[in-house]
Amino acid sequence: MSEALEIGHRIGLVEHVATFEPMISTVCSPRHVFVGRDAELVAEPTEFDEGVYE
């Protein structure tokens, strides 16, 4: 299991969803997309603005 300390959750299963390059033949910078499942709150978040967008 891996822990995401910034958000205070422990993540169970992590699955790879996709890998892609947003600017093919311009920049070699693959992006890897993962999804985490079975999250459980284990501590208070250390980053209070994590995931907050205005």
Protein backbone atom coordinates (compact mmCIF):
# COMPACT_ATOMS: atom_id res chain seq x y z
CA MET A 1 0.00 0.00 0.00
CA SER A 2 1.11 3.52 -0.65
CA GLU A 3 0.21 6.57 1.40
CA ALA A 4 -0.72 9.97 0.09
CA LEU A 5 0.31 12.03 3.10
CA GLU A 6 -0.75 15.34 1.60
CA ILE A 7 -4.39 14.26 1.52
CA GLY A 8 -4.32 11.99 4.58
CA HIS A 9 -5.49 8.81 2.85
CA ARG A 10 -3.98 5.37 2.44
CA ILE A 11 -4.66 3.98 -1.02
CA GLY A 12 -5.30 0.28 -1.55
CA LEU A 13 -5.18 -0.76 -5.19
CA VAL A 14 -3.42 1.49 -7.72
CA GLU A 15 -4.15 0.77 -11.39
CA HIS A 16 -2.40 2.14 -14.48
CA VAL A 17 -5.02 3.64 -16.80
CA ALA A 18 -3.03 5.05 -19.71
CA THR A 19 0.25 6.50 -20.90
CA PHE A 20 0.26 9.16 -23.61
CA GLU A 21 2.31 12.02 -25.00
CA PRO A 22 0.27 15.24 -25.28
CA MET A 23 2.58 16.83 -27.88
CA ILE A 24 3.64 13.98 -30.15
CA SER A 25 6.85 14.71 -32.11
CA THR A 26 7.25 18.06 -30.35
CA VAL A 27 8.16 17.15 -26.78
CA CYS A 28 9.16 13.74 -25.45
CA SER A 29 7.27 13.81 -22.18
CA PRO A 30 4.97 10.85 -21.57
CA ARG A 31 2.15 11.32 -19.06
CA HIS A 32 1.14 8.36 -16.92
CA VAL A 33 -2.40 8.23 -15.56
CA PHE A 34 -3.25 6.09 -12.52
CA VAL A 35 -6.39 5.57 -10.46
CA GLY A 36 -6.28 4.72 -6.76
CA ARG A 37 -9.03 2.64 -5.21
CA ASP A 38 -10.11 1.71 -1.68
CA ALA A 39 -8.88 4.94 -0.08
CA GLU A 40 -9.19 5.20 3.69
CA LEU A 41 -8.64 8.26 5.84
CA VAL A 42 -5.64 7.64 8.13
CA ALA A 43 -4.66 11.17 9.20
CA GLU A 44 -5.59 14.79 8.77
CA PRO A 45 -4.37 16.27 5.47
CA THR A 46 -1.06 18.15 5.58
CA GLU A 47 -1.88 20.15 2.42
CA PHE A 48 -5.08 22.07 2.98
CA ASP A 49 -5.34 23.47 -0.56
CA GLU A 50 -4.68 20.12 -2.29
CA GLY A 51 -7.37 19.63 -4.91
CA VAL A 52 -9.15 22.91 -4.14
CA TYR A 53 -9.70 25.05 -7.21
CA GLU A 54 -11.51 28.34 -7.42
